[in-house]
Amino acid sequence: MVDPALVERAKHGDRDAYAELANASSNRLFAIALRVLRDRDAAGDALQAALVEIWRSLPGLRDAQAFESWSYRVTLNACRTIRRRNRSSIATFELQPTDVAEADSELSVATRDELERAFGRLTVDQRSVLVLHYYRDLPVDEIATTLGVAPGTIKSRLHAARHAMRAALEAGRRPARSEEQRA
C-alpha cells in the first residue's frame, strides 16, 4: 500500500516524493508488464512509459488512495501500446527467479512450458485480467475499477481468458497429424 501523503506531495510537483513513489512501485509494475507482455525489454519499455505517464497525469488523480490501482491501469495501457507497436515481434516468456523456484516445485518443466505457450496465445486484455486476478490477487470489483469497466465485463473477460487458456492447452496436447493422416 502506497502512502497517500506521499501521493499528495507528488501530485503537487514534489519530485522527491514522486521518485520515492516510483521506486516503491516499479518492481510491482514491471512484474505486471512482464507477465502481460512476456518480454523483458518490452516490459521495461512499458514501465518507463507508464512512469512518465503517471508523473504527467498525477495532478489529475482525484483520490490518493486509488494510486495503486490507477498505476496498474496506466501500466496496462502502456503494455497495450507497446504490444501494438511491436505486434510483428515474437514475444518470449521469461520467468522471474522466484517464479522458477515456485514453478519447479509445483509443476514439471513440460507442464510449465505448456502453460507458457497457452498463455502466449491469449490477447493482452485476457492476460491483463488473469495477471491482475491471479497474480495480484485483485477481486473482480477492484479489477473493474482499475481498468475502468463494469464488473460484469471483467467477469466476462476472465471467463473468456480461462476458456481460451483451456482451449490453447487442449490444442497443445493434441498429437500432430502426420503426412499419412492428412492424405
C-alpha atoms as a PDB file:
ATOM      1  CA  MET A   1       0.000   0.000   0.000  1.00  0.00           C
ATOM      2  CA  VAL A   2       1.308   3.389  -1.011  1.00  0.00           C
ATOM      3  CA  ASP A   3       1.310   6.269   1.486  1.00  0.00           C
ATOM      4  CA  PRO A   4      -1.466   8.705   0.431  1.00  0.00           C
ATOM      5  CA  ALA A   5       0.500  11.639   1.879  1.00  0.00           C
ATOM      6  CA  LEU A   6       3.380  10.764  -0.439  1.00  0.00           C
ATOM      7  CA  VAL A   7       0.978  10.641  -3.387  1.00  0.00           C
ATOM      8  CA  GLU A   8      -0.416  14.058  -2.423  1.00  0.00           C
ATOM      9  CA  ARG A   9       3.072  15.568  -2.257  1.00  0.00           C
ATOM     10  CA  ALA A  10       3.933  14.106  -5.656  1.00  0.00           C
ATOM     11  CA  LYS A  11       0.628  15.389  -7.089  1.00  0.00           C
ATOM     12  CA  HIS A  12       1.724  18.889  -6.169  1.00  0.00           C
ATOM     13  CA  GLY A  13       5.029  18.577  -8.017  1.00  0.00           C
ATOM     14  CA  ASP A  14       7.377  17.237  -5.332  1.00  0.00           C
ATOM     15  CA  ARG A  15       9.936  15.366  -7.443  1.00  0.00           C
ATOM     16  CA  ASP A  16      11.492  13.634  -4.435  1.00  0.00           C
ATOM     17  CA  ALA A  17       8.086  12.303  -3.392  1.00  0.00           C
ATOM     18  CA  TYR A  18       7.479  11.059  -6.938  1.00  0.00           C
ATOM     19  CA  ALA A  19      10.922   9.408  -7.033  1.00  0.00           C
ATOM     20  CA  GLU A  20      10.022   7.596  -3.805  1.00  0.00           C
ATOM     21  CA  LEU A  21       6.642   6.528  -5.296  1.00  0.00           C
ATOM     22  CA  ALA A  22       8.305   5.342  -8.485  1.00  0.00           C
ATOM     23  CA  ASN A  23      10.908   3.357  -6.532  1.00  0.00           C
ATOM     24  CA  ALA A  24       8.220   1.799  -4.353  1.00  0.00           C
ATOM     25  CA  SER A  25       6.018   0.860  -7.332  1.00  0.00           C
ATOM     26  CA  SER A  26       8.496  -0.034 -10.073  1.00  0.00           C
ATOM     27  CA  ASN A  27       9.074  -3.694  -9.201  1.00  0.00           C
ATOM     28  CA  ARG A  28       5.357  -4.409  -8.902  1.00  0.00           C
ATOM     29  CA  LEU A  29       4.518  -2.554 -12.137  1.00  0.00           C
ATOM     30  CA  PHE A  30       7.393  -4.207 -14.007  1.00  0.00           C
ATOM     31  CA  ALA A  31       6.225  -7.653 -12.841  1.00  0.00           C
ATOM     32  CA  ILE A  32       2.750  -6.950 -14.196  1.00  0.00           C
ATOM     33  CA  ALA A  33       4.131  -5.655 -17.508  1.00  0.00           C
ATOM     34  CA  LEU A  34       6.459  -8.664 -17.809  1.00  0.00           C
ATOM     35  CA  ARG A  35       3.649 -11.121 -17.218  1.00  0.00           C
ATOM     36  CA  VAL A  36       1.384  -9.384 -19.718  1.00  0.00           C
ATOM     37  CA  LEU A  37       3.948  -8.730 -22.458  1.00  0.00           C
ATOM     38  CA  ARG A  38       6.137 -11.780 -21.813  1.00  0.00           C
ATOM     39  CA  ASP A  39       9.256  -9.942 -22.931  1.00  0.00           C
ATOM     40  CA  ARG A  40      11.750  -8.276 -20.587  1.00  0.00           C
ATOM     41  CA  ASP A  41      12.700  -5.455 -22.965  1.00  0.00           C
ATOM     42  CA  ALA A  42       9.095  -4.669 -23.862  1.00  0.00           C
ATOM     43  CA  ALA A  43       8.149  -4.740 -20.163  1.00  0.00           C
ATOM     44  CA  GLY A  44      10.959  -2.288 -19.426  1.00  0.00           C
ATOM     45  CA  ASP A  45       9.689  -0.005 -22.183  1.00  0.00           C
ATOM     46  CA  ALA A  46       6.144  -0.256 -20.835  1.00  0.00           C
ATOM     47  CA  LEU A  47       7.315   0.514 -17.305  1.00  0.00           C
ATOM     48  CA  GLN A  48       9.258   3.546 -18.490  1.00  0.00           C
ATOM     49  CA  ALA A  49       6.284   4.828 -20.494  1.00  0.00           C
ATOM     50  CA  ALA A  50       3.966   4.179 -17.543  1.00  0.00           C
ATOM     51  CA  LEU A  51       6.179   6.045 -15.087  1.00  0.00           C
ATOM     52  CA  VAL A  52       6.348   9.044 -17.407  1.00  0.00           C
ATOM     53  CA  GLU A  53       2.564   8.983 -17.877  1.00  0.00           C
ATOM     54  CA  ILE A  54       1.991   8.610 -14.133  1.00  0.00           C
ATOM     55  CA  TRP A  55       4.138  11.694 -13.465  1.00  0.00           C
ATOM     56  CA  ARG A  56       2.387  13.651 -16.204  1.00  0.00           C
ATOM     57  CA  SER A  57      -1.144  12.628 -15.153  1.00  0.00           C
ATOM     58  CA  LEU A  58      -0.671  12.506 -11.379  1.00  0.00           C
ATOM     59  CA  PRO A  59      -2.035  16.037 -10.757  1.00  0.00           C
ATOM     60  CA  GLY A  60      -5.372  14.840 -12.169  1.00  0.00           C
ATOM     61  CA  LEU A  61      -5.671  11.876  -9.780  1.00  0.00           C
ATOM     62  CA  ARG A  62      -8.580  12.753  -7.510  1.00  0.00           C
ATOM     63  CA  ASP A  63      -8.148  10.125  -4.813  1.00  0.00           C
ATOM     64  CA  ALA A  64      -4.667   9.418  -3.468  1.00  0.00           C
ATOM     65  CA  GLN A  65      -5.987   6.107  -2.083  1.00  0.00           C
ATOM     66  CA  ALA A  66      -6.605   4.964  -5.673  1.00  0.00           C
ATOM     67  CA  PHE A  67      -2.974   5.432  -6.734  1.00  0.00           C
ATOM     68  CA  GLU A  68      -2.094   1.734  -6.807  1.00  0.00           C
ATOM     69  CA  SER A  69      -4.995   0.570  -8.976  1.00  0.00           C
ATOM     70  CA  TRP A  70      -4.678   3.695 -11.139  1.00  0.00           C
ATOM     71  CA  SER A  71      -0.971   2.938 -11.693  1.00  0.00           C
ATOM     72  CA  TYR A  72      -1.934  -0.602 -12.777  1.00  0.00           C
ATOM     73  CA  ARG A  73      -4.291   0.862 -15.369  1.00  0.00           C
ATOM     74  CA  VAL A  74      -1.617   3.231 -16.674  1.00  0.00           C
ATOM     75  CA  THR A  75       0.839   0.316 -16.881  1.00  0.00           C
ATOM     76  CA  LEU A  76      -1.633  -1.940 -18.692  1.00  0.00           C
ATOM     77  CA  ASN A  77      -2.392   0.860 -21.155  1.00  0.00           C
ATOM     78  CA  ALA A  78       1.351   1.216 -21.759  1.00  0.00           C
ATOM     79  CA  CYS A  79       1.505  -2.558 -22.334  1.00  0.00           C
ATOM     80  CA  ARG A  80      -1.235  -2.298 -24.965  1.00  0.00           C
ATOM     81  CA  THR A  81       0.633   0.499 -26.703  1.00  0.00           C
ATOM     82  CA  ILE A  82       3.917  -1.421 -26.664  1.00  0.00           C
ATOM     83  CA  ARG A  83       2.161  -4.568 -27.903  1.00  0.00           C
ATOM     84  CA  ARG A  84       0.563  -2.685 -30.812  1.00  0.00           C
ATOM     85  CA  ARG A  85       3.910  -1.122 -31.703  1.00  0.00           C
ATOM     86  CA  ASN A  86       5.743  -4.462 -31.501  1.00  0.00           C
ATOM     87  CA  ARG A  87       2.985  -6.633 -32.940  1.00  0.00           C
ATOM     88  CA  SER A  88       5.296  -8.156 -35.512  1.00  0.00           C
ATOM     89  CA  SER A  89       7.856  -9.313 -32.965  1.00  0.00           C
ATOM     90  CA  ILE A  90       7.545 -12.679 -31.282  1.00  0.00           C
ATOM     91  CA  ALA A  91       7.319 -12.492 -27.503  1.00  0.00           C
ATOM     92  CA  THR A  92       9.223 -14.849 -25.289  1.00  0.00           C
ATOM     93  CA  PHE A  93       8.216 -15.672 -21.747  1.00  0.00           C
ATOM     94  CA  GLU A  94      10.800 -15.140 -19.046  1.00  0.00           C
ATOM     95  CA  LEU A  95      10.192 -16.407 -15.540  1.00  0.00           C
ATOM     96  CA  GLN A  96      11.468 -14.360 -12.624  1.00  0.00           C
ATOM     97  CA  PRO A  97      13.910 -16.221 -10.362  1.00  0.00           C
ATOM     98  CA  THR A  98      11.297 -16.537  -7.606  1.00  0.00           C
ATOM     99  CA  ASP A  99       8.797 -17.836 -10.161  1.00  0.00           C
ATOM    100  CA  VAL A 100      11.201 -20.548 -11.297  1.00  0.00           C
ATOM    101  CA  ALA A 101      11.700 -21.902  -7.787  1.00  0.00           C
ATOM    102  CA  GLU A 102       7.972 -21.889  -7.095  1.00  0.00           C
ATOM    103  CA  ALA A 103       7.050 -23.271 -10.510  1.00  0.00           C
ATOM    104  CA  ASP A 104       9.609 -26.072 -10.410  1.00  0.00           C
ATOM    105  CA  SER A 105       8.400 -27.198  -7.018  1.00  0.00           C
ATOM    106  CA  GLU A 106       4.790 -27.360  -8.189  1.00  0.00           C
ATOM    107  CA  LEU A 107       4.903 -28.118 -11.891  1.00  0.00           C
ATOM    108  CA  SER A 108       7.028 -30.197 -14.170  1.00  0.00           C
ATOM    109  CA  VAL A 109       9.055 -28.339 -16.754  1.00  0.00           C
ATOM    110  CA  ALA A 110       6.876 -29.748 -19.530  1.00  0.00           C
ATOM    111  CA  THR A 111       3.697 -28.560 -17.847  1.00  0.00           C
ATOM    112  CA  ARG A 112       5.172 -25.114 -17.234  1.00  0.00           C
ATOM    113  CA  ASP A 113       6.211 -24.863 -20.901  1.00  0.00           C
ATOM    114  CA  GLU A 114       2.733 -25.926 -21.949  1.00  0.00           C
ATOM    115  CA  LEU A 115       1.183 -23.226 -19.754  1.00  0.00           C
ATOM    116  CA  GLU A 116       3.601 -20.609 -21.110  1.00  0.00           C
ATOM    117  CA  ARG A 117       2.683 -21.449 -24.712  1.00  0.00           C
ATOM    118  CA  ALA A 118      -1.029 -21.316 -23.896  1.00  0.00           C
ATOM    119  CA  PHE A 119      -0.638 -18.002 -22.042  1.00  0.00           C
ATOM    120  CA  GLY A 120       1.208 -16.614 -25.058  1.00  0.00           C
ATOM    121  CA  ARG A 121      -1.792 -17.303 -27.269  1.00  0.00           C
ATOM    122  CA  LEU A 122      -4.018 -15.023 -25.196  1.00  0.00           C
ATOM    123  CA  THR A 123      -4.688 -11.408 -26.069  1.00  0.00           C
ATOM    124  CA  VAL A 124      -3.143  -8.645 -23.976  1.00  0.00           C
ATOM    125  CA  ASP A 125      -6.569  -7.910 -22.451  1.00  0.00           C
ATOM    126  CA  GLN A 126      -7.026 -11.559 -21.494  1.00  0.00           C
ATOM    127  CA  ARG A 127      -3.542 -11.756 -19.991  1.00  0.00           C
ATOM    128  CA  SER A 128      -4.167  -8.481 -18.137  1.00  0.00           C
ATOM    129  CA  VAL A 129      -7.251  -9.717 -16.294  1.00  0.00           C
ATOM    130  CA  LEU A 130      -5.604 -13.051 -15.488  1.00  0.00           C
ATOM    131  CA  VAL A 131      -2.491 -11.332 -14.131  1.00  0.00           C
ATOM    132  CA  LEU A 132      -4.480  -8.882 -12.024  1.00  0.00           C
ATOM    133  CA  HIS A 133      -6.800 -11.587 -10.719  1.00  0.00           C
ATOM    134  CA  TYR A 134      -4.407 -14.488 -10.137  1.00  0.00           C
ATOM    135  CA  TYR A 135      -1.000 -12.830  -9.738  1.00  0.00           C
ATOM    136  CA  ARG A 136      -2.013  -9.620  -7.914  1.00  0.00           C
ATOM    137  CA  ASP A 137      -4.983 -11.345  -6.202  1.00  0.00           C
ATOM    138  CA  LEU A 138      -7.316  -8.456  -7.001  1.00  0.00           C
ATOM    139  CA  PRO A 139     -11.055  -9.086  -6.707  1.00  0.00           C
ATOM    140  CA  VAL A 140     -13.288  -8.546  -9.731  1.00  0.00           C
ATOM    141  CA  ASP A 141     -14.600  -5.198  -8.439  1.00  0.00           C
ATOM    142  CA  GLU A 142     -11.099  -3.800  -7.980  1.00  0.00           C
ATOM    143  CA  ILE A 143     -10.019  -5.005 -11.428  1.00  0.00           C
ATOM    144  CA  ALA A 144     -13.104  -3.296 -12.873  1.00  0.00           C
ATOM    145  CA  THR A 145     -12.164  -0.062 -11.114  1.00  0.00           C
ATOM    146  CA  THR A 146      -8.553  -0.407 -12.238  1.00  0.00           C
ATOM    147  CA  LEU A 147      -9.486  -0.932 -15.881  1.00  0.00           C
ATOM    148  CA  GLY A 148     -12.423   1.479 -15.833  1.00  0.00           C
ATOM    149  CA  VAL A 149     -15.030  -1.056 -16.923  1.00  0.00           C
ATOM    150  CA  ALA A 150     -18.053  -2.714 -15.343  1.00  0.00           C
ATOM    151  CA  PRO A 151     -17.549  -5.738 -13.060  1.00  0.00           C
ATOM    152  CA  GLY A 152     -19.645  -7.804 -15.476  1.00  0.00           C
ATOM    153  CA  THR A 153     -17.135  -7.014 -18.223  1.00  0.00           C
ATOM    154  CA  ILE A 154     -14.306  -8.276 -16.034  1.00  0.00           C
ATOM    155  CA  LYS A 155     -16.221 -11.463 -15.264  1.00  0.00           C
ATOM    156  CA  SER A 156     -16.781 -11.926 -18.984  1.00  0.00           C
ATOM    157  CA  ARG A 157     -13.097 -11.293 -19.777  1.00  0.00           C
ATOM    158  CA  LEU A 158     -11.993 -13.708 -17.050  1.00  0.00           C
ATOM    159  CA  HIS A 159     -14.376 -16.346 -18.393  1.00  0.00           C
ATOM    160  CA  ALA A 160     -13.132 -15.811 -21.956  1.00  0.00           C
ATOM    161  CA  ALA A 161      -9.487 -15.861 -20.819  1.00  0.00           C
ATOM    162  CA  ARG A 162      -9.963 -19.106 -18.885  1.00  0.00           C
ATOM    163  CA  HIS A 163     -11.771 -20.627 -21.854  1.00  0.00           C
ATOM    164  CA  ALA A 164      -9.007 -19.505 -24.227  1.00  0.00           C
ATOM    165  CA  MET A 165      -6.345 -20.926 -21.892  1.00  0.00           C
ATOM    166  CA  ARG A 166      -8.216 -24.226 -21.704  1.00  0.00           C
ATOM    167  CA  ALA A 167      -8.579 -24.346 -25.493  1.00  0.00           C
ATOM    168  CA  ALA A 168      -4.914 -23.500 -26.014  1.00  0.00           C
ATOM    169  CA  LEU A 169      -3.854 -26.174 -23.542  1.00  0.00           C
ATOM    170  CA  GLU A 170      -6.074 -28.779 -25.218  1.00  0.00           C
ATOM    171  CA  ALA A 171      -4.785 -27.785 -28.667  1.00  0.00           C
ATOM    172  CA  GLY A 172      -1.214 -28.161 -27.438  1.00  0.00           C
ATOM    173  CA  ARG A 173      -1.925 -31.665 -26.135  1.00  0.00           C
ATOM    174  CA  ARG A 174      -3.378 -32.994 -29.392  1.00  0.00           C
ATOM    175  CA  PRO A 175      -0.900 -35.080 -31.347  1.00  0.00           C
ATOM    176  CA  ALA A 176       0.306 -33.551 -34.576  1.00  0.00           C
ATOM    177  CA  ARG A 177      -1.165 -35.144 -37.680  1.00  0.00           C
ATOM    178  CA  SER A 178       1.372 -36.995 -39.768  1.00  0.00           C
ATOM    179  CA  GLU A 179       1.597 -36.679 -43.548  1.00  0.00           C
ATOM    180  CA  GLU A 180      -0.087 -40.086 -43.908  1.00  0.00           C
ATOM    181  CA  GLN A 181      -3.079 -38.986 -41.801  1.00  0.00           C
ATOM    182  CA  ARG A 182      -3.518 -35.817 -43.881  1.00  0.00           C
ATOM    183  CA  ALA A 183      -3.640 -37.665 -47.199  1.00  0.00           C
END
